[in-house]
């Protein structure tokens, strides 16, 4: 009997702790509205000043990162750790070598065949 009473009390507590979703949403939005009434919004002058400050800091950070990146790239290339190679030049050189080999091989075979017939 005592166990049934404890179970009933825990079930009632669970129901009290978690009201339905509609009540929770209404409570959330009413609290949100009350909190927004207490906010002190900046005036136009302060808003513009803050926006300009944020934009200036963003530009300054971008320029600083660009300078640091350029310096590090130059140093790493200078010591040979990092080299920039263009893939176009490599592909063109490979194509030229392949064409030269392809045209040289049949000529060599023809020369070997004509030398064999002569001997």
PDB file of N, CA and C in Angstrom:
ATOM      1  N   UNK A   1       0.815  -1.183   0.000  1.00  0.00           N
ATOM      2  CA  UNK A   1       0.000   0.000   0.000  1.00  0.00           C
ATOM      3  C   UNK A   1       0.863   1.252   0.000  1.00  0.00           C
ATOM      4  N   UNK A   2       1.935   1.236   0.792  1.00  0.00           N
ATOM      5  CA  UNK A   2       2.818   2.377   0.878  1.00  0.00           C
ATOM      6  C   UNK A   2       3.532   2.604  -0.450  1.00  0.00           C
ATOM      7  N   UNK A   3       3.821   1.510  -1.134  1.00  0.00           N
ATOM      8  CA  UNK A   3       4.490   1.620  -2.440  1.00  0.00           C
ATOM      9  C   UNK A   3       3.593   2.307  -3.460  1.00  0.00           C
ATOM     10  N   UNK A   4       2.311   2.015  -3.446  1.00  0.00           N
ATOM     11  CA  UNK A   4       1.363   2.640  -4.362  1.00  0.00           C
ATOM     12  C   UNK A   4       1.282   4.134  -4.118  1.00  0.00           C
ATOM     13  N   UNK A   5       1.327   4.569  -2.869  1.00  0.00           N
ATOM     14  CA  UNK A   5       1.267   5.984  -2.544  1.00  0.00           C
ATOM     15  C   UNK A   5       2.514   6.695  -3.042  1.00  0.00           C
ATOM     16  N   UNK A   6       3.690   6.061  -2.907  1.00  0.00           N
ATOM     17  CA  UNK A   6       4.929   6.662  -3.383  1.00  0.00           C
ATOM     18  C   UNK A   6       4.909   6.789  -4.902  1.00  0.00           C
ATOM     19  N   UNK A   7       4.407   5.760  -5.576  1.00  0.00           N
ATOM     20  CA  UNK A   7       4.332   5.793  -7.033  1.00  0.00           C
ATOM     21  C   UNK A   7       3.395   6.898  -7.490  1.00  0.00           C
ATOM     22  N   UNK A   8       2.276   7.058  -6.839  1.00  0.00           N
ATOM     23  CA  UNK A   8       1.325   8.112  -7.185  1.00  0.00           C
ATOM     24  C   UNK A   8       1.952   9.494  -6.999  1.00  0.00           C
ATOM     25  N   UNK A   9       2.722   9.669  -5.922  1.00  0.00           N
ATOM     26  CA  UNK A   9       3.357  10.957  -5.659  1.00  0.00           C
ATOM     27  C   UNK A   9       4.415  11.275  -6.716  1.00  0.00           C
ATOM     28  N   UNK A  10       5.206  10.267  -7.129  1.00  0.00           N
ATOM     29  CA  UNK A  10       6.234  10.525  -8.154  1.00  0.00           C
ATOM     30  C   UNK A  10       5.587  10.836  -9.487  1.00  0.00           C
ATOM     31  N   UNK A  11       4.488  10.184  -9.808  1.00  0.00           N
ATOM     32  CA  UNK A  11       3.804  10.483 -11.061  1.00  0.00           C
ATOM     33  C   UNK A  11       3.269  11.913 -11.048  1.00  0.00           C
ATOM     34  N   UNK A  12       2.743  12.354  -9.909  1.00  0.00           N
ATOM     35  CA  UNK A  12       2.234  13.716  -9.799  1.00  0.00           C
ATOM     36  C   UNK A  12       3.366  14.728  -9.907  1.00  0.00           C
ATOM     37  N   UNK A  13       4.525  14.404  -9.317  1.00  0.00           N
ATOM     38  CA  UNK A  13       5.680  15.296  -9.409  1.00  0.00           C
ATOM     39  C   UNK A  13       6.126  15.437 -10.849  1.00  0.00           C
ATOM     40  N   UNK A  14       6.202  14.310 -11.584  1.00  0.00           N
ATOM     41  CA  UNK A  14       6.619  14.346 -12.981  1.00  0.00           C
ATOM     42  C   UNK A  14       5.680  15.215 -13.806  1.00  0.00           C
ATOM     43  N   UNK A  15       4.397  15.115 -13.544  1.00  0.00           N
ATOM     44  CA  UNK A  15       3.439  15.921 -14.282  1.00  0.00           C
ATOM     45  C   UNK A  15       3.583  17.409 -13.931  1.00  0.00           C
ATOM     46  N   UNK A  16       3.867  17.706 -12.670  1.00  0.00           N
ATOM     47  CA  UNK A  16       4.033  19.093 -12.263  1.00  0.00           C
ATOM     48  C   UNK A  16       5.325  19.680 -12.815  1.00  0.00           C
ATOM     49  N   UNK A  17       6.357  18.887 -12.924  1.00  0.00           N
ATOM     50  CA  UNK A  17       7.644  19.379 -13.392  1.00  0.00           C
ATOM     51  C   UNK A  17       7.628  19.689 -14.883  1.00  0.00           C
ATOM     52  N   UNK A  18       6.823  18.986 -15.644  1.00  0.00           N
ATOM     53  CA  UNK A  18       6.862  19.163 -17.089  1.00  0.00           C
ATOM     54  C   UNK A  18       5.450  19.419 -17.629  1.00  0.00           C
ATOM     55  N   UNK A  19       5.046  20.693 -17.690  1.00  0.00           N
ATOM     56  CA  UNK A  19       3.728  20.986 -18.270  1.00  0.00           C
ATOM     57  C   UNK A  19       3.754  20.753 -19.783  1.00  0.00           C
ATOM     58  N   UNK A  20       2.607  20.773 -20.388  1.00  0.00           N
ATOM     59  CA  UNK A  20       2.559  20.473 -21.819  1.00  0.00           C
ATOM     60  C   UNK A  20       3.299  21.535 -22.644  1.00  0.00           C
ATOM     61  N   UNK A  21       3.553  21.214 -23.875  1.00  0.00           N
ATOM     62  CA  UNK A  21       4.406  22.045 -24.747  1.00  0.00           C
ATOM     63  C   UNK A  21       3.797  23.432 -24.966  1.00  0.00           C
ATOM     64  N   UNK A  22       2.509  23.529 -25.065  1.00  0.00           N
ATOM     65  CA  UNK A  22       1.857  24.821 -25.311  1.00  0.00           C
ATOM     66  C   UNK A  22       2.076  25.779 -24.136  1.00  0.00           C
ATOM     67  N   UNK A  23       1.920  25.265 -22.924  1.00  0.00           N
ATOM     68  CA  UNK A  23       2.135  26.110 -21.745  1.00  0.00           C
ATOM     69  C   UNK A  23       3.585  26.547 -21.639  1.00  0.00           C
ATOM     70  N   UNK A  24       4.505  25.637 -21.954  1.00  0.00           N
ATOM     71  CA  UNK A  24       5.923  25.988 -21.889  1.00  0.00           C
ATOM     72  C   UNK A  24       6.273  27.052 -22.933  1.00  0.00           C
ATOM     73  N   UNK A  25       5.719  26.942 -24.143  1.00  0.00           N
ATOM     74  CA  UNK A  25       5.969  27.953 -25.177  1.00  0.00           C
ATOM     75  C   UNK A  25       5.392  29.306 -24.776  1.00  0.00           C
ATOM     76  N   UNK A  26       4.178  29.309 -24.235  1.00  0.00           N
ATOM     77  CA  UNK A  26       3.570  30.565 -23.797  1.00  0.00           C
ATOM     78  C   UNK A  26       4.394  31.206 -22.683  1.00  0.00           C
ATOM     79  N   UNK A  27       4.883  30.400 -21.754  1.00  0.00           N
ATOM     80  CA  UNK A  27       5.724  30.921 -20.680  1.00  0.00           C
ATOM     81  C   UNK A  27       7.023  31.492 -21.247  1.00  0.00           C
ATOM     82  N   UNK A  28       7.626  30.775 -22.197  1.00  0.00           N
ATOM     83  CA  UNK A  28       8.872  31.237 -22.801  1.00  0.00           C
ATOM     84  C   UNK A  28       8.691  32.592 -23.473  1.00  0.00           C
ATOM     85  N   UNK A  29       7.646  32.716 -24.295  1.00  0.00           N
ATOM     86  CA  UNK A  29       7.449  33.967 -25.025  1.00  0.00           C
ATOM     87  C   UNK A  29       7.034  35.120 -24.111  1.00  0.00           C
ATOM     88  N   UNK A  30       6.299  34.839 -23.063  1.00  0.00           N
ATOM     89  CA  UNK A  30       5.953  35.922 -22.132  1.00  0.00           C
ATOM     90  C   UNK A  30       7.196  36.385 -21.371  1.00  0.00           C
ATOM     91  N   UNK A  31       8.064  35.452 -20.995  1.00  0.00           N
ATOM     92  CA  UNK A  31       9.323  35.828 -20.353  1.00  0.00           C
ATOM     93  C   UNK A  31      10.227  36.594 -21.314  1.00  0.00           C
ATOM     94  N   UNK A  32      10.248  36.169 -22.567  1.00  0.00           N
ATOM     95  CA  UNK A  32      11.048  36.842 -23.590  1.00  0.00           C
ATOM     96  C   UNK A  32      10.580  38.292 -23.772  1.00  0.00           C
ATOM     97  N   UNK A  33       9.282  38.478 -23.849  1.00  0.00           N
ATOM     98  CA  UNK A  33       8.725  39.819 -24.013  1.00  0.00           C
ATOM     99  C   UNK A  33       9.067  40.707 -22.818  1.00  0.00           C
ATOM    100  N   UNK A  34       8.960  40.173 -21.628  1.00  0.00           N
ATOM    101  CA  UNK A  34       9.283  40.943 -20.415  1.00  0.00           C
ATOM    102  C   UNK A  34      10.766  41.303 -20.390  1.00  0.00           C
ATOM    103  N   UNK A  35      11.613  40.382 -20.810  1.00  0.00           N
ATOM    104  CA  UNK A  35      13.053  40.642 -20.807  1.00  0.00           C
ATOM    105  C   UNK A  35      13.425  41.696 -21.852  1.00  0.00           C
ATOM    106  N   UNK A  36      12.804  41.656 -23.028  1.00  0.00           N
ATOM    107  CA  UNK A  36      13.101  42.640 -24.068  1.00  0.00           C
ATOM    108  C   UNK A  36      12.652  44.049 -23.683  1.00  0.00           C
ATOM    109  N   UNK A  37      11.670  44.158 -22.806  1.00  0.00           N
ATOM    110  CA  UNK A  37      11.245  45.478 -22.339  1.00  0.00           C
ATOM    111  C   UNK A  37      12.301  46.108 -21.435  1.00  0.00           C
ATOM    112  N   UNK A  38      13.108  45.268 -20.789  1.00  0.00           N
ATOM    113  CA  UNK A  38      14.147  45.772 -19.877  1.00  0.00           C
ATOM    114  C   UNK A  38      15.450  46.135 -20.589  1.00  0.00           C
ATOM    115  N   UNK A  39      15.594  45.740 -21.839  1.00  0.00           N
ATOM    116  CA  UNK A  39      16.839  45.986 -22.572  1.00  0.00           C
ATOM    117  C   UNK A  39      16.986  47.474 -22.857  1.00  0.00           C
ATOM    118  N   UNK A  40      18.194  47.978 -22.671  1.00  0.00           N
ATOM    119  CA  UNK A  40      18.498  49.366 -23.007  1.00  0.00           C
ATOM    120  C   UNK A  40      19.139  49.357 -24.391  1.00  0.00           C
ATOM    121  N   UNK A  41      18.390  49.791 -25.387  1.00  0.00           N
ATOM    122  CA  UNK A  41      18.872  49.770 -26.760  1.00  0.00           C
ATOM    123  C   UNK A  41      19.760  50.992 -27.016  1.00  0.00           C
ATOM    124  N   UNK A  42      20.824  50.831 -27.818  1.00  0.00           N
ATOM    125  CA  UNK A  42      21.706  51.978 -28.080  1.00  0.00           C
ATOM    126  C   UNK A  42      21.024  52.993 -28.999  1.00  0.00           C
ATOM    127  N   UNK A  43      21.428  54.255 -28.848  1.00  0.00           N
ATOM    128  CA  UNK A  43      20.897  55.276 -29.746  1.00  0.00           C
ATOM    129  C   UNK A  43      21.625  55.172 -31.096  1.00  0.00           C
ATOM    130  N   UNK A  44      21.183  55.941 -32.064  1.00  0.00           N
ATOM    131  CA  UNK A  44      21.710  55.849 -33.430  1.00  0.00           C
ATOM    132  C   UNK A  44      23.216  56.140 -33.483  1.00  0.00           C
ATOM    133  N   UNK A  45      23.654  57.155 -32.756  1.00  0.00           N
ATOM    134  CA  UNK A  45      25.070  57.536 -32.767  1.00  0.00           C
ATOM    135  C   UNK A  45      25.938  56.396 -32.232  1.00  0.00           C
ATOM    136  N   UNK A  46      25.533  55.817 -31.124  1.00  0.00           N
ATOM    137  CA  UNK A  46      26.295  54.728 -30.508  1.00  0.00           C
ATOM    138  C   UNK A  46      26.298  53.484 -31.413  1.00  0.00           C
ATOM    139  N   UNK A  47      25.180  53.216 -32.068  1.00  0.00           N
ATOM    140  CA  UNK A  47      25.078  52.073 -32.974  1.00  0.00           C
ATOM    141  C   UNK A  47      26.032  52.225 -34.151  1.00  0.00           C
ATOM    142  N   UNK A  48      26.074  53.402 -34.756  1.00  0.00           N
ATOM    143  CA  UNK A  48      26.972  53.659 -35.889  1.00  0.00           C
ATOM    144  C   UNK A  48      28.424  53.560 -35.439  1.00  0.00           C
ATOM    145  N   UNK A  49      28.729  54.100 -34.287  1.00  0.00           N
ATOM    146  CA  UNK A  49      30.096  54.055 -33.760  1.00  0.00           C
ATOM    147  C   UNK A  49      30.542  52.610 -33.525  1.00  0.00           C
ATOM    148  N   UNK A  50      29.693  51.805 -32.957  1.00  0.00           N
ATOM    149  CA  UNK A  50      30.027  50.405 -32.702  1.00  0.00           C
ATOM    150  C   UNK A  50      30.195  49.626 -34.005  1.00  0.00           C
ATOM    151  N   UNK A  51      29.325  49.890 -34.979  1.00  0.00           N
ATOM    152  CA  UNK A  51      29.416  49.202 -36.266  1.00  0.00           C
ATOM    153  C   UNK A  51      30.716  49.544 -36.972  1.00  0.00           C
ATOM    154  N   UNK A  52      31.092  50.818 -36.988  1.00  0.00           N
ATOM    155  CA  UNK A  52      32.341  51.239 -37.624  1.00  0.00           C
ATOM    156  C   UNK A  52      33.536  50.601 -36.917  1.00  0.00           C
ATOM    157  N   UNK A  53      33.483  50.522 -35.606  1.00  0.00           N
ATOM    158  CA  UNK A  53      34.574  49.897 -34.845  1.00  0.00           C
ATOM    159  C   UNK A  53      34.725  48.422 -35.219  1.00  0.00           C
ATOM    160  N   UNK A  54      33.624  47.699 -35.294  1.00  0.00           N
ATOM    161  CA  UNK A  54      33.671  46.272 -35.650  1.00  0.00           C
ATOM    162  C   UNK A  54      34.209  46.090 -37.062  1.00  0.00           C
ATOM    163  N   UNK A  55      33.744  46.892 -38.013  1.00  0.00           N
ATOM    164  CA  UNK A  55      34.223  46.783 -39.391  1.00  0.00           C
ATOM    165  C   UNK A  55      35.713  47.104 -39.498  1.00  0.00           C
ATOM    166  N   UNK A  56      36.175  48.110 -38.757  1.00  0.00           N
ATOM    167  CA  UNK A  56      37.598  48.469 -38.775  1.00  0.00           C
ATOM    168  C   UNK A  56      38.448  47.337 -38.213  1.00  0.00           C
ATOM    169  N   UNK A  57      37.990  46.708 -37.145  1.00  0.00           N
ATOM    170  CA  UNK A  57      38.729  45.585 -36.567  1.00  0.00           C
ATOM    171  C   UNK A  57      38.778  44.406 -37.541  1.00  0.00           C
ATOM    172  N   UNK A  58      37.683  44.143 -38.253  1.00  0.00           N
ATOM    173  CA  UNK A  58      37.655  43.055 -39.238  1.00  0.00           C
ATOM    174  C   UNK A  58      38.647  43.318 -40.369  1.00  0.00           C
ATOM    175  N   UNK A  59      38.677  44.543 -40.883  1.00  0.00           N
ATOM    176  CA  UNK A  59      39.611  44.893 -41.961  1.00  0.00           C
ATOM    177  C   UNK A  59      41.045  44.790 -41.460  1.00  0.00           C
ATOM    178  N   UNK A  60      41.302  45.291 -40.264  1.00  0.00           N
ATOM    179  CA  UNK A  60      42.643  45.222 -39.681  1.00  0.00           C
ATOM    180  C   UNK A  60      43.096  43.769 -39.497  1.00  0.00           C
ATOM    181  N   UNK A  61      42.212  42.921 -39.030  1.00  0.00           N
ATOM    182  CA  UNK A  61      42.549  41.502 -38.859  1.00  0.00           C
ATOM    183  C   UNK A  61      42.827  40.847 -40.203  1.00  0.00           C
ATOM    184  N   UNK A  62      42.038  41.164 -41.217  1.00  0.00           N
ATOM    185  CA  UNK A  62      42.256  40.599 -42.553  1.00  0.00           C
ATOM    186  C   UNK A  62      43.584  41.009 -43.144  1.00  0.00           C
ATOM    187  N   UNK A  63      43.921  42.276 -43.028  1.00  0.00           N
ATOM    188  CA  UNK A  63      45.199  42.771 -43.556  1.00  0.00           C
ATOM    189  C   UNK A  63      46.362  42.145 -42.789  1.00  0.00           C
ATOM    190  N   UNK A  64      46.228  42.045 -41.464  1.00  0.00           N
ATOM    191  CA  UNK A  64      47.290  41.437 -40.653  1.00  0.00           C
ATOM    192  C   UNK A  64      47.515  39.978 -41.045  1.00  0.00           C
ATOM    193  N   UNK A  65      46.445  39.224 -41.214  1.00  0.00           N
ATOM    194  CA  UNK A  65      46.572  37.819 -41.615  1.00  0.00           C
ATOM    195  C   UNK A  65      47.187  37.691 -43.002  1.00  0.00           C
ATOM    196  N   UNK A  66      46.835  38.585 -43.917  1.00  0.00           N
ATOM    197  CA  UNK A  66      47.416  38.556 -45.255  1.00  0.00           C
ATOM    198  C   UNK A  66      48.925  38.796 -45.193  1.00  0.00           C
ATOM    199  N   UNK A  67      49.338  39.778 -44.396  1.00  0.00           N
ATOM    200  CA  UNK A  67      50.770  40.080 -44.272  1.00  0.00           C
ATOM    201  C   UNK A  67      51.519  38.904 -43.642  1.00  0.00           C
ATOM    202  N   UNK A  68      50.978  38.345 -42.573  1.00  0.00           N
ATOM    203  CA  UNK A  68      51.623  37.204 -41.918  1.00  0.00           C
ATOM    204  C   UNK A  68      51.722  36.024 -42.870  1.00  0.00           C
ATOM    205  N   UNK A  69      50.666  35.748 -43.624  1.00  0.00           N
ATOM    206  CA  UNK A  69      50.659  34.642 -44.582  1.00  0.00           C
ATOM    207  C   UNK A  69      51.705  34.853 -45.666  1.00  0.00           C
ATOM    208  N   UNK A  70      51.798  36.064 -46.186  1.00  0.00           N
ATOM    209  CA  UNK A  70      52.772  36.357 -47.241  1.00  0.00           C
ATOM    210  C   UNK A  70      54.204  36.206 -46.730  1.00  0.00           C
ATOM    211  N   UNK A  71      54.465  36.715 -45.522  1.00  0.00           N
ATOM    212  CA  UNK A  71      55.808  36.602 -44.947  1.00  0.00           C
ATOM    213  C   UNK A  71      56.172  35.134 -44.716  1.00  0.00           C
ATOM    214  N   UNK A  72      55.272  34.365 -44.127  1.00  0.00           N
ATOM    215  CA  UNK A  72      55.555  32.946 -43.887  1.00  0.00           C
ATOM    216  C   UNK A  72      55.763  32.183 -45.186  1.00  0.00           C
ATOM    217  N   UNK A  73      54.964  32.471 -46.199  1.00  0.00           N
ATOM    218  CA  UNK A  73      55.118  31.803 -47.487  1.00  0.00           C
ATOM    219  C   UNK A  73      56.482  32.118 -48.089  1.00  0.00           C
ATOM    220  N   UNK A  74      56.898  33.370 -48.024  1.00  0.00           N
ATOM    221  CA  UNK A  74      58.195  33.771 -48.567  1.00  0.00           C
ATOM    222  C   UNK A  74      59.340  33.089 -47.810  1.00  0.00           C
ATOM    223  N   UNK A  75      59.249  33.043 -46.487  1.00  0.00           N
ATOM    224  CA  UNK A  75      60.294  32.403 -45.683  1.00  0.00           C
ATOM    225  C   UNK A  75      60.363  30.908 -45.988  1.00  0.00           C
ATOM    226  N   UNK A  76      59.222  30.245 -46.045  1.00  0.00           N
ATOM    227  CA  UNK A  76      59.211  28.800 -46.310  1.00  0.00           C
ATOM    228  C   UNK A  76      59.712  28.476 -47.711  1.00  0.00           C
ATOM    229  N   UNK A  77      59.384  29.298 -48.688  1.00  0.00           N
ATOM    230  CA  UNK A  77      59.910  29.095 -50.037  1.00  0.00           C
ATOM    231  C   UNK A  77      61.409  29.350 -50.073  1.00  0.00           C
ATOM    232  N   UNK A  78      61.881  30.321 -49.303  1.00  0.00           N
ATOM    233  CA  UNK A  78      63.299  30.663 -49.258  1.00  0.00           C
ATOM    234  C   UNK A  78      64.155  29.544 -48.696  1.00  0.00           C
ATOM    235  N   UNK A  79      63.641  28.833 -47.701  1.00  0.00           N
ATOM    236  CA  UNK A  79      64.431  27.740 -47.122  1.00  0.00           C
ATOM    237  C   UNK A  79      64.186  26.414 -47.841  1.00  0.00           C
ATOM    238  N   UNK A  80      63.305  26.405 -48.819  1.00  0.00           N
ATOM    239  CA  UNK A  80      63.071  25.210 -49.618  1.00  0.00           C
ATOM    240  C   UNK A  80      62.068  24.246 -49.024  1.00  0.00           C
ATOM    241  N   UNK A  81      61.403  24.631 -47.973  1.00  0.00           N
ATOM    242  CA  UNK A  81      60.415  23.758 -47.349  1.00  0.00           C
ATOM    243  C   UNK A  81      59.131  23.691 -48.171  1.00  0.00           C
ATOM    244  N   UNK A  82      58.798  24.774 -48.789  1.00  0.00           N
ATOM    245  CA  UNK A  82      57.545  24.881 -49.534  1.00  0.00           C
ATOM    246  C   UNK A  82      57.846  25.515 -50.875  1.00  0.00           C
ATOM    247  N   UNK A  83      57.545  24.799 -51.948  1.00  0.00           N
ATOM    248  CA  UNK A  83      57.792  25.346 -53.281  1.00  0.00           C
ATOM    249  C   UNK A  83      56.483  25.377 -54.045  1.00  0.00           C
ATOM    250  N   UNK A  84      56.268  26.477 -54.749  1.00  0.00           N
ATOM    251  CA  UNK A  84      55.076  26.558 -55.576  1.00  0.00           C
ATOM    252  C   UNK A  84      55.432  26.105 -56.976  1.00  0.00           C
ATOM    253  N   UNK A  85      54.741  25.102 -57.455  1.00  0.00           N
ATOM    254  CA  UNK A  85      54.959  24.591 -58.807  1.00  0.00           C
ATOM    255  C   UNK A  85      53.649  24.695 -59.565  1.00  0.00           C
ATOM    256  N   UNK A  86      53.748  25.073 -60.801  1.00  0.00           N
ATOM    257  CA  UNK A  86      52.544  25.131 -61.609  1.00  0.00           C
ATOM    258  C   UNK A  86      52.383  23.795 -62.314  1.00  0.00           C
ATOM    259  N   UNK A  87      51.185  23.267 -62.275  1.00  0.00           N
ATOM    260  CA  UNK A  87      50.941  21.964 -62.890  1.00  0.00           C
ATOM    261  C   UNK A  87      50.903  22.072 -64.406  1.00  0.00           C
ATOM    262  N   UNK A  88      50.615  23.244 -64.934  1.00  0.00           N
ATOM    263  CA  UNK A  88      50.557  23.424 -66.386  1.00  0.00           C
ATOM    264  C   UNK A  88      51.938  23.216 -66.998  1.00  0.00           C
ATOM    265  N   UNK A  89      52.976  23.773 -66.400  1.00  0.00           N
ATOM    266  CA  UNK A  89      54.329  23.630 -66.928  1.00  0.00           C
ATOM    267  C   UNK A  89      54.770  22.174 -66.875  1.00  0.00           C
ATOM    268  N   UNK A  90      54.446  21.479 -65.822  1.00  0.00           N
ATOM    269  CA  UNK A  90      54.810  20.073 -65.697  1.00  0.00           C
ATOM    270  C   UNK A  90      54.092  19.249 -66.755  1.00  0.00           C
ATOM    271  N   UNK A  91      52.832  19.516 -66.977  1.00  0.00           N
ATOM    272  CA  UNK A  91      52.065  18.771 -67.968  1.00  0.00           C
ATOM    273  C   UNK A  91      52.614  19.026 -69.372  1.00  0.00           C
ATOM    274  N   UNK A  92      52.967  20.275 -69.669  1.00  0.00           N
ATOM    275  CA  UNK A  92      53.508  20.603 -70.978  1.00  0.00           C
ATOM    276  C   UNK A  92      54.849  19.911 -71.189  1.00  0.00           C
ATOM    277  N   UNK A  93      55.700  19.882 -70.175  1.00  0.00           N
ATOM    278  CA  UNK A  93      56.995  19.219 -70.296  1.00  0.00           C
ATOM    279  C   UNK A  93      56.809  17.721 -70.479  1.00  0.00           C
ATOM    280  N   UNK A  94      55.904  17.118 -69.775  1.00  0.00           N
ATOM    281  CA  UNK A  94      55.644  15.685 -69.902  1.00  0.00           C
ATOM    282  C   UNK A  94      55.113  15.373 -71.293  1.00  0.00           C
ATOM    283  N   UNK A  95      54.222  16.196 -71.808  1.00  0.00           N
ATOM    284  CA  UNK A  95      53.681  15.977 -73.145  1.00  0.00           C
ATOM    285  C   UNK A  95      54.780  16.082 -74.191  1.00  0.00           C
ATOM    286  N   UNK A  96      55.688  17.039 -74.063  1.00  0.00           N
ATOM    287  CA  UNK A  96      56.785  17.206 -75.010  1.00  0.00           C
ATOM    288  C   UNK A  96      57.703  15.992 -74.993  1.00  0.00           C
ATOM    289  N   UNK A  97      58.031  15.498 -73.798  1.00  0.00           N
ATOM    290  CA  UNK A  97      58.899  14.327 -73.683  1.00  0.00           C
ATOM    291  C   UNK A  97      58.213  13.107 -74.280  1.00  0.00           C
ATOM    292  N   UNK A  98      56.936  12.933 -74.016  1.00  0.00           N
ATOM    293  CA  UNK A  98      56.210  11.779 -74.544  1.00  0.00           C
ATOM    294  C   UNK A  98      56.155  11.828 -76.061  1.00  0.00           C
ATOM    295  N   UNK A  99      55.968  12.995 -76.653  1.00  0.00           N
ATOM    296  CA  UNK A  99      55.921  13.127 -78.102  1.00  0.00           C
ATOM    297  C   UNK A  99      57.281  12.822 -78.706  1.00  0.00           C
ATOM    298  N   UNK A 100      58.338  13.296 -78.083  1.00  0.00           N
ATOM    299  CA  UNK A 100      59.688  13.056 -78.577  1.00  0.00           C
ATOM    300  C   UNK A 100      60.012  11.567 -78.543  1.00  0.00           C
ATOM    301  N   UNK A 101      59.664  10.891 -77.460  1.00  0.00           N
ATOM    302  CA  UNK A 101      59.922   9.456 -77.339  1.00  0.00           C
ATOM    303  C   UNK A 101      59.103   8.696 -78.371  1.00  0.00           C
ATOM    304  N   UNK A 102      57.874   9.073 -78.576  1.00  0.00           N
ATOM    305  CA  UNK A 102      57.007   8.368 -79.533  1.00  0.00           C
ATOM    306  C   UNK A 102      57.532   8.515 -80.955  1.00  0.00           C
ATOM    307  N   UNK A 103      58.066   9.660 -81.306  1.00  0.00           N
ATOM    308  CA  UNK A 103      58.566   9.823 -82.670  1.00  0.00           C
ATOM    309  C   UNK A 103      59.952   9.209 -82.825  1.00  0.00           C
ATOM    310  N   UNK A 104      60.723   9.095 -81.759  1.00  0.00           N
ATOM    311  CA  UNK A 104      62.063   8.534 -81.841  1.00  0.00           C
ATOM    312  C   UNK A 104      62.029   7.017 -81.935  1.00  0.00           C
ATOM    313  N   UNK A 105      61.146   6.374 -81.260  1.00  0.00           N
ATOM    314  CA  UNK A 105      61.107   4.912 -81.215  1.00  0.00           C
ATOM    315  C   UNK A 105      60.865   4.305 -82.598  1.00  0.00           C
ATOM    316  N   UNK A 106      59.890   4.729 -83.393  1.00  0.00           N
ATOM    317  CA  UNK A 106      59.711   4.115 -84.720  1.00  0.00           C
ATOM    318  C   UNK A 106      60.917   4.359 -85.636  1.00  0.00           C
ATOM    319  N   UNK A 107      61.554   5.514 -85.533  1.00  0.00           N
ATOM    320  CA  UNK A 107      62.721   5.795 -86.362  1.00  0.00           C
ATOM    321  C   UNK A 107      63.843   4.825 -86.025  1.00  0.00           C
ATOM    322  N   UNK A 108      64.061   4.571 -84.768  1.00  0.00           N
ATOM    323  CA  UNK A 108      65.101   3.641 -84.337  1.00  0.00           C
ATOM    324  C   UNK A 108      64.783   2.243 -84.832  1.00  0.00           C
ATOM    325  N   UNK A 109      63.555   1.833 -84.769  1.00  0.00           N
ATOM    326  CA  UNK A 109      63.172   0.500 -85.235  1.00  0.00           C
ATOM    327  C   UNK A 109      63.394   0.377 -86.738  1.00  0.00           C
ATOM    328  N   UNK A 110      63.084   1.414 -87.487  1.00  0.00           N
ATOM    329  CA  UNK A 110      63.286   1.392 -88.937  1.00  0.00           C
ATOM    330  C   UNK A 110      64.767   1.317 -89.274  1.00  0.00           C
ATOM    331  N   UNK A 111      65.593   2.017 -88.529  1.00  0.00           N
ATOM    332  CA  UNK A 111      67.024   1.997 -88.762  1.00  0.00           C
ATOM    333  C   UNK A 111      67.593   0.607 -88.447  1.00  0.00           C
ATOM    334  N   UNK A 112      67.110  -0.012 -87.384  1.00  0.00           N
ATOM    335  CA  UNK A 112      67.579  -1.352 -87.039  1.00  0.00           C
ATOM    336  C   UNK A 112      67.178  -2.351 -88.105  1.00  0.00           C
ATOM    337  N   UNK A 113      66.001  -2.227 -88.655  1.00  0.00           N
ATOM    338  CA  UNK A 113      65.530  -3.144 -89.682  1.00  0.00           C
ATOM    339  C   UNK A 113      66.345  -2.979 -90.957  1.00  0.00           C
ATOM    340  N   UNK A 114      66.634  -1.762 -91.356  1.00  0.00           N
ATOM    341  CA  UNK A 114      67.401  -1.550 -92.573  1.00  0.00           C
ATOM    342  C   UNK A 114      68.855  -1.992 -92.388  1.00  0.00           C
ATOM    343  N   UNK A 115      69.390  -1.886 -91.206  1.00  0.00           N
ATOM    344  CA  UNK A 115      70.764  -2.335 -90.949  1.00  0.00           C
ATOM    345  C   UNK A 115      70.810  -3.858 -90.997  1.00  0.00           C
ATOM    346  N   UNK A 116      69.778  -4.532 -90.523  1.00  0.00           N
ATOM    347  CA  UNK A 116      69.744  -5.980 -90.531  1.00  0.00           C
ATOM    348  C   UNK A 116      69.692  -6.523 -91.939  1.00  0.00           C
ATOM    349  N   UNK A 117      68.959  -5.876 -92.814  1.00  0.00           N
ATOM    350  CA  UNK A 117      68.834  -6.328 -94.215  1.00  0.00           C
ATOM    351  C   UNK A 117      70.144  -6.142 -94.957  1.00  0.00           C
ATOM    352  N   UNK A 118      70.868  -5.086 -94.615  1.00  0.00           N
ATOM    353  CA  UNK A 118      72.115  -4.809 -95.310  1.00  0.00           C
ATOM    354  C   UNK A 118      73.156  -5.865 -94.937  1.00  0.00           C
ATOM    355  N   UNK A 119      73.156  -6.397 -93.782  1.00  0.00           N
ATOM    356  CA  UNK A 119      74.203  -7.273 -93.303  1.00  0.00           C
ATOM    357  C   UNK A 119      73.988  -8.676 -93.623  1.00  0.00           C
TER     358      UNK A 119
END
